[in-house]
Amino acid sequence: MLIITYIAILLIFLKFILAIILFLGLFSKLKEINYISIFVLFIEWISIIFSFFTYKLSVLLPFYLTVCERTYYPYVNIGFLVVVSILLILFRGIDDNLIYIHKLLISIYLLFSALPYILLYI
């Protein structure tokens, strides 16, 4: 379980740095930035699917999903699953004119997913 926690901390900082890079448009010519963001979204998608069955991977989930699922709404992870699925589907189905809006949406999602954890760590 300790290894999952270390992986989650690295993933949180990766999400935060990736959100800043995508939001500011740094390294916009590199295709690897897009693939890293899709990889991070895919890891979140898998962890949200696992959250239906167990809480063992709750450190990999977005902060708001963890708080809302435990205290207020037990099925809020369905909404997060839909949002992440839409972002993953739009990566392949979007044309070149709307790719910047898609990068902005991914950066906003990653920023709101990682920022509360970083504020708690500091």
N, C-alpha and C. Protein backbone atom coordinates (compact mmCIF):
# COMPACT_ATOMS: atom_id res chain seq x y z
N MET A 1 0.81 -1.20 0.00
CA MET A 1 0.00 0.00 0.00
C MET A 1 0.86 1.26 0.00
N LEU A 2 2.04 1.15 0.58
CA LEU A 2 2.95 2.29 0.62
C LEU A 2 3.45 2.64 -0.78
N ILE A 3 3.64 1.63 -1.61
CA ILE A 3 4.09 1.86 -2.99
C ILE A 3 3.01 2.61 -3.77
N ILE A 4 1.75 2.26 -3.56
CA ILE A 4 0.66 2.96 -4.23
C ILE A 4 0.61 4.42 -3.80
N THR A 5 0.91 4.68 -2.54
CA THR A 5 0.92 6.06 -2.06
C THR A 5 2.03 6.86 -2.72
N TYR A 6 3.21 6.28 -2.85
CA TYR A 6 4.31 6.97 -3.53
C TYR A 6 3.99 7.20 -5.00
N ILE A 7 3.39 6.22 -5.64
CA ILE A 7 2.99 6.39 -7.04
C ILE A 7 1.94 7.49 -7.15
N ALA A 8 1.02 7.55 -6.19
CA ALA A 8 -0.01 8.59 -6.22
C ALA A 8 0.58 9.98 -6.05
N ILE A 9 1.58 10.11 -5.18
CA ILE A 9 2.23 11.42 -5.00
C ILE A 9 2.93 11.84 -6.29
N LEU A 10 3.64 10.92 -6.93
CA LEU A 10 4.28 11.23 -8.21
C LEU A 10 3.26 11.58 -9.27
N LEU A 11 2.15 10.86 -9.29
CA LEU A 11 1.11 11.12 -10.27
C LEU A 11 0.46 12.49 -10.04
N ILE A 12 0.30 12.87 -8.79
CA ILE A 12 -0.29 14.18 -8.48
C ILE A 12 0.61 15.30 -8.97
N PHE A 13 1.91 15.19 -8.71
CA PHE A 13 2.82 16.23 -9.19
C PHE A 13 2.95 16.21 -10.71
N LEU A 14 2.87 15.03 -11.32
CA LEU A 14 2.87 14.95 -12.78
C LEU A 14 1.63 15.62 -13.35
N LYS A 15 0.47 15.41 -12.73
CA LYS A 15 -0.75 16.07 -13.19
C LYS A 15 -0.65 17.58 -13.07
N PHE A 16 -0.08 18.05 -11.97
CA PHE A 16 0.04 19.49 -11.76
C PHE A 16 0.99 20.12 -12.77
N ILE A 17 2.14 19.52 -12.97
CA ILE A 17 3.11 20.05 -13.94
C ILE A 17 2.56 19.97 -15.35
N LEU A 18 1.90 18.88 -15.67
CA LEU A 18 1.32 18.71 -17.00
C LEU A 18 0.19 19.71 -17.23
N ALA A 19 -0.59 20.00 -16.21
CA ALA A 19 -1.66 21.00 -16.35
C ALA A 19 -1.09 22.38 -16.61
N ILE A 20 -0.01 22.72 -15.94
CA ILE A 20 0.63 24.03 -16.17
C ILE A 20 1.21 24.10 -17.58
N ILE A 21 1.85 23.03 -18.01
CA ILE A 21 2.43 23.00 -19.36
C ILE A 21 1.34 23.13 -20.41
N LEU A 22 0.24 22.40 -20.26
CA LEU A 22 -0.84 22.47 -21.24
C LEU A 22 -1.57 23.80 -21.19
N PHE A 23 -1.75 24.35 -19.99
CA PHE A 23 -2.47 25.62 -19.85
C PHE A 23 -1.70 26.78 -20.45
N LEU A 24 -0.40 26.81 -20.23
CA LEU A 24 0.42 27.90 -20.76
C LEU A 24 0.83 27.69 -22.21
N GLY A 25 0.62 26.50 -22.73
CA GLY A 25 0.97 26.22 -24.12
C GLY A 25 2.44 25.97 -24.34
N LEU A 26 3.16 25.63 -23.30
CA LEU A 26 4.58 25.32 -23.44
C LEU A 26 4.73 23.98 -24.15
N PHE A 27 5.76 23.87 -24.94
CA PHE A 27 6.06 22.65 -25.69
C PHE A 27 4.86 22.19 -26.52
N SER A 28 4.18 23.13 -27.15
CA SER A 28 2.96 22.79 -27.88
C SER A 28 3.24 21.98 -29.15
N LYS A 29 4.47 22.01 -29.63
CA LYS A 29 4.79 21.26 -30.84
C LYS A 29 5.08 19.78 -30.56
N LEU A 30 5.32 19.45 -29.31
CA LEU A 30 5.66 18.07 -28.98
C LEU A 30 4.40 17.21 -28.88
N LYS A 31 4.42 16.08 -29.56
CA LYS A 31 3.31 15.14 -29.47
C LYS A 31 3.34 14.35 -28.17
N GLU A 32 4.53 14.26 -27.55
CA GLU A 32 4.65 13.47 -26.33
C GLU A 32 3.84 14.06 -25.18
N ILE A 33 3.67 15.37 -25.17
CA ILE A 33 2.87 16.01 -24.13
C ILE A 33 1.43 15.52 -24.20
N ASN A 34 0.91 15.40 -25.42
CA ASN A 34 -0.46 14.89 -25.58
C ASN A 34 -0.56 13.45 -25.11
N TYR A 35 0.44 12.65 -25.45
CA TYR A 35 0.39 11.24 -25.06
C TYR A 35 0.55 11.06 -23.56
N ILE A 36 1.34 11.90 -22.92
CA ILE A 36 1.48 11.82 -21.46
C ILE A 36 0.16 12.21 -20.80
N SER A 37 -0.49 13.24 -21.32
CA SER A 37 -1.77 13.64 -20.72
C SER A 37 -2.84 12.57 -20.92
N ILE A 38 -2.84 11.91 -22.06
CA ILE A 38 -3.79 10.83 -22.28
C ILE A 38 -3.47 9.65 -21.37
N PHE A 39 -2.19 9.37 -21.14
CA PHE A 39 -1.80 8.30 -20.23
C PHE A 39 -2.26 8.60 -18.80
N VAL A 40 -2.11 9.84 -18.37
CA VAL A 40 -2.55 10.23 -17.02
C VAL A 40 -4.07 10.13 -16.92
N LEU A 41 -4.78 10.57 -17.94
CA LEU A 41 -6.24 10.45 -17.92
C LEU A 41 -6.68 8.99 -17.92
N PHE A 42 -5.95 8.14 -18.63
CA PHE A 42 -6.29 6.72 -18.65
C PHE A 42 -6.07 6.09 -17.28
N ILE A 43 -5.01 6.48 -16.57
CA ILE A 43 -4.78 5.98 -15.22
C ILE A 43 -5.92 6.43 -14.30
N GLU A 44 -6.36 7.67 -14.44
CA GLU A 44 -7.49 8.14 -13.63
C GLU A 44 -8.77 7.40 -13.98
N TRP A 45 -8.96 7.10 -15.25
CA TRP A 45 -10.14 6.36 -15.70
C TRP A 45 -10.16 4.97 -15.07
N ILE A 46 -9.02 4.29 -15.08
CA ILE A 46 -8.92 2.96 -14.47
C ILE A 46 -9.17 3.04 -12.96
N SER A 47 -8.59 4.03 -12.30
CA SER A 47 -8.79 4.14 -10.85
C SER A 47 -10.23 4.47 -10.49
N ILE A 48 -10.92 5.25 -11.33
CA ILE A 48 -12.33 5.53 -11.08
C ILE A 48 -13.17 4.27 -11.26
N ILE A 49 -12.84 3.46 -12.25
CA ILE A 49 -13.55 2.19 -12.43
C ILE A 49 -13.33 1.29 -11.22
N PHE A 50 -12.10 1.23 -10.71
CA PHE A 50 -11.84 0.42 -9.52
C PHE A 50 -12.53 0.98 -8.29
N SER A 51 -12.82 2.27 -8.27
CA SER A 51 -13.47 2.86 -7.10
C SER A 51 -14.91 2.40 -6.96
N PHE A 52 -15.50 1.84 -8.01
CA PHE A 52 -16.83 1.27 -7.88
C PHE A 52 -16.82 0.06 -6.95
N PHE A 53 -15.70 -0.66 -6.93
CA PHE A 53 -15.63 -1.93 -6.21
C PHE A 53 -14.88 -1.86 -4.89
N THR A 54 -13.85 -1.03 -4.81
CA THR A 54 -13.03 -0.99 -3.61
C THR A 54 -12.48 0.42 -3.38
N TYR A 55 -12.09 0.68 -2.15
CA TYR A 55 -11.48 1.97 -1.81
C TYR A 55 -9.97 1.88 -1.69
N LYS A 56 -9.38 0.78 -2.11
CA LYS A 56 -7.95 0.59 -1.93
C LYS A 56 -7.12 1.54 -2.79
N LEU A 57 -7.67 1.98 -3.91
CA LEU A 57 -6.95 2.90 -4.79
C LEU A 57 -7.48 4.33 -4.66
N SER A 58 -8.01 4.67 -3.51
CA SER A 58 -8.61 5.99 -3.36
C SER A 58 -7.58 7.11 -3.40
N VAL A 59 -6.30 6.79 -3.18
CA VAL A 59 -5.28 7.84 -3.26
C VAL A 59 -5.02 8.25 -4.70
N LEU A 60 -5.40 7.44 -5.67
CA LEU A 60 -5.21 7.79 -7.07
C LEU A 60 -6.37 8.60 -7.64
N LEU A 61 -7.46 8.69 -6.90
CA LEU A 61 -8.64 9.39 -7.39
C LEU A 61 -8.48 10.90 -7.26
N PRO A 62 -9.24 11.66 -8.05
CA PRO A 62 -9.25 13.11 -7.85
C PRO A 62 -9.76 13.47 -6.45
N PHE A 63 -9.31 14.58 -5.94
CA PHE A 63 -9.62 14.97 -4.56
C PHE A 63 -11.12 15.13 -4.34
N TYR A 64 -11.79 15.81 -5.25
CA TYR A 64 -13.21 16.07 -5.07
C TYR A 64 -14.02 14.78 -5.12
N LEU A 65 -13.58 13.83 -5.92
CA LEU A 65 -14.27 12.54 -5.97
C LEU A 65 -14.11 11.80 -4.65
N THR A 66 -12.93 11.86 -4.07
CA THR A 66 -12.69 11.19 -2.79
C THR A 66 -13.54 11.80 -1.69
N VAL A 67 -13.61 13.12 -1.64
CA VAL A 67 -14.38 13.80 -0.60
C VAL A 67 -15.88 13.57 -0.78
N CYS A 68 -16.37 13.76 -1.98
CA CYS A 68 -17.81 13.63 -2.22
C CYS A 68 -18.29 12.19 -2.09
N GLU A 69 -17.47 11.25 -2.52
CA GLU A 69 -17.89 9.86 -2.48
C GLU A 69 -17.96 9.34 -1.04
N ARG A 70 -17.05 9.77 -0.23
CA ARG A 70 -17.03 9.29 1.16
C ARG A 70 -18.07 9.98 2.03
N THR A 71 -18.40 11.24 1.75
CA THR A 71 -19.25 11.98 2.68
C THR A 71 -20.66 12.26 2.15
N TYR A 72 -20.78 12.72 0.92
CA TYR A 72 -22.07 13.22 0.46
C TYR A 72 -22.80 12.27 -0.49
N TYR A 73 -22.20 12.05 -1.64
CA TYR A 73 -22.89 11.33 -2.70
C TYR A 73 -22.13 10.05 -3.02
N PRO A 74 -22.74 8.90 -2.85
CA PRO A 74 -21.99 7.66 -3.06
C PRO A 74 -21.72 7.34 -4.53
N TYR A 75 -22.49 7.89 -5.45
CA TYR A 75 -22.32 7.54 -6.86
C TYR A 75 -21.83 8.72 -7.70
N VAL A 76 -21.08 9.62 -7.10
CA VAL A 76 -20.54 10.76 -7.84
C VAL A 76 -19.43 10.32 -8.79
N ASN A 77 -18.87 9.13 -8.58
CA ASN A 77 -17.81 8.65 -9.46
C ASN A 77 -18.32 8.37 -10.87
N ILE A 78 -19.61 8.20 -11.04
CA ILE A 78 -20.16 8.03 -12.39
C ILE A 78 -19.98 9.31 -13.20
N GLY A 79 -20.19 10.46 -12.57
CA GLY A 79 -19.98 11.74 -13.25
C GLY A 79 -18.53 11.95 -13.64
N PHE A 80 -17.61 11.61 -12.73
CA PHE A 80 -16.19 11.73 -13.06
C PHE A 80 -15.80 10.76 -14.16
N LEU A 81 -16.39 9.58 -14.15
CA LEU A 81 -16.11 8.60 -15.20
C LEU A 81 -16.58 9.11 -16.56
N VAL A 82 -17.71 9.77 -16.60
CA VAL A 82 -18.22 10.33 -17.85
C VAL A 82 -17.32 11.46 -18.34
N VAL A 83 -16.88 12.33 -17.44
CA VAL A 83 -16.01 13.45 -17.84
C VAL A 83 -14.69 12.95 -18.39
N VAL A 84 -14.06 12.00 -17.70
CA VAL A 84 -12.78 11.48 -18.17
C VAL A 84 -12.97 10.70 -19.47
N SER A 85 -14.07 9.98 -19.61
CA SER A 85 -14.32 9.25 -20.86
C SER A 85 -14.51 10.21 -22.02
N ILE A 86 -15.21 11.31 -21.80
CA ILE A 86 -15.40 12.30 -22.86
C ILE A 86 -14.07 12.91 -23.26
N LEU A 87 -13.23 13.23 -22.29
CA LEU A 87 -11.92 13.80 -22.61
C LEU A 87 -11.05 12.80 -23.37
N LEU A 88 -11.15 11.52 -23.03
CA LEU A 88 -10.38 10.51 -23.75
C LEU A 88 -10.91 10.29 -25.16
N ILE A 89 -12.22 10.29 -25.33
CA ILE A 89 -12.81 10.09 -26.65
C ILE A 89 -12.54 11.28 -27.56
N LEU A 90 -12.60 12.48 -27.01
CA LEU A 90 -12.36 13.68 -27.82
C LEU A 90 -10.93 13.78 -28.32
N PHE A 91 -10.00 13.10 -27.67
CA PHE A 91 -8.62 13.16 -28.12
C PHE A 91 -8.47 12.58 -29.52
N ARG A 92 -9.20 11.53 -29.82
CA ARG A 92 -9.10 10.92 -31.14
C ARG A 92 -10.08 11.50 -32.14
N GLY A 93 -11.21 11.99 -31.68
CA GLY A 93 -12.24 12.42 -32.61
C GLY A 93 -12.26 13.90 -32.90
N ILE A 94 -11.27 14.64 -32.46
CA ILE A 94 -11.30 16.09 -32.61
C ILE A 94 -10.41 16.50 -33.78
N ASP A 95 -10.81 17.54 -34.48
CA ASP A 95 -9.99 18.00 -35.60
C ASP A 95 -8.95 19.00 -35.10
N ASP A 96 -8.12 19.46 -36.02
CA ASP A 96 -6.99 20.31 -35.64
C ASP A 96 -7.40 21.70 -35.16
N ASN A 97 -8.57 22.16 -35.54
CA ASN A 97 -8.99 23.50 -35.12
C ASN A 97 -9.39 23.55 -33.65
N LEU A 98 -9.87 22.46 -33.11
CA LEU A 98 -10.36 22.44 -31.74
C LEU A 98 -9.38 21.79 -30.76
N ILE A 99 -8.19 21.47 -31.20
CA ILE A 99 -7.24 20.78 -30.33
C ILE A 99 -6.79 21.66 -29.17
N TYR A 100 -6.75 22.97 -29.38
CA TYR A 100 -6.33 23.87 -28.30
C TYR A 100 -7.40 23.97 -27.21
N ILE A 101 -8.66 23.92 -27.61
CA ILE A 101 -9.74 23.90 -26.61
C ILE A 101 -9.69 22.60 -25.82
N HIS A 102 -9.40 21.51 -26.51
CA HIS A 102 -9.29 20.22 -25.83
C HIS A 102 -8.12 20.21 -24.85
N LYS A 103 -7.00 20.78 -25.24
CA LYS A 103 -5.86 20.87 -24.32
C LYS A 103 -6.20 21.75 -23.12
N LEU A 104 -6.94 22.81 -23.35
CA LEU A 104 -7.36 23.67 -22.25
C LEU A 104 -8.29 22.93 -21.28
N LEU A 105 -9.23 22.16 -21.82
CA LEU A 105 -10.13 21.39 -20.97
C LEU A 105 -9.38 20.34 -20.16
N ILE A 106 -8.41 19.68 -20.79
CA ILE A 106 -7.61 18.69 -20.07
C ILE A 106 -6.79 19.36 -18.98
N SER A 107 -6.22 20.52 -19.30
CA SER A 107 -5.40 21.20 -18.29
C SER A 107 -6.25 21.67 -17.11
N ILE A 108 -7.45 22.15 -17.37
CA ILE A 108 -8.34 22.57 -16.28
C ILE A 108 -8.72 21.37 -15.42
N TYR A 109 -9.04 20.25 -16.06
CA TYR A 109 -9.40 19.06 -15.29
C TYR A 109 -8.23 18.57 -14.45
N LEU A 110 -7.05 18.51 -15.04
CA LEU A 110 -5.88 18.04 -14.29
C LEU A 110 -5.51 19.00 -13.17
N LEU A 111 -5.67 20.29 -13.41
CA LEU A 111 -5.36 21.27 -12.37
C LEU A 111 -6.31 21.15 -11.18
N PHE A 112 -7.60 21.04 -11.45
CA PHE A 112 -8.56 20.88 -10.36
C PHE A 112 -8.47 19.51 -9.70
N SER A 113 -7.91 18.56 -10.40
CA SER A 113 -7.72 17.23 -9.82
C SER A 113 -6.52 17.18 -8.89
N ALA A 114 -5.47 17.93 -9.21
CA ALA A 114 -4.22 17.83 -8.44
C ALA A 114 -4.01 18.95 -7.44
N LEU A 115 -4.57 20.12 -7.69
CA LEU A 115 -4.27 21.27 -6.83
C LEU A 115 -4.68 21.10 -5.37
N PRO A 116 -5.84 20.55 -5.04
CA PRO A 116 -6.15 20.38 -3.60
C PRO A 116 -5.18 19.46 -2.87
N TYR A 117 -4.73 18.41 -3.55
CA TYR A 117 -3.74 17.53 -2.91
C TYR A 117 -2.44 18.27 -2.65
N ILE A 118 -2.01 19.08 -3.62
CA ILE A 118 -0.76 19.81 -3.45
C ILE A 118 -0.90 20.84 -2.33
N LEU A 119 -2.05 21.48 -2.23
CA LEU A 119 -2.27 22.42 -1.13
C LEU A 119 -2.30 21.71 0.22
N LEU A 120 -2.77 20.48 0.25
CA LEU A 120 -2.75 19.72 1.50
C LEU A 120 -1.34 19.26 1.86
N TYR A 121 -0.51 18.96 0.85
CA TYR A 121 0.86 18.53 1.13
C TYR A 121 1.72 19.67 1.64
N ILE A 122 1.43 20.89 1.19
CA ILE A 122 2.24 22.04 1.60
C ILE A 122 1.84 22.46 2.93
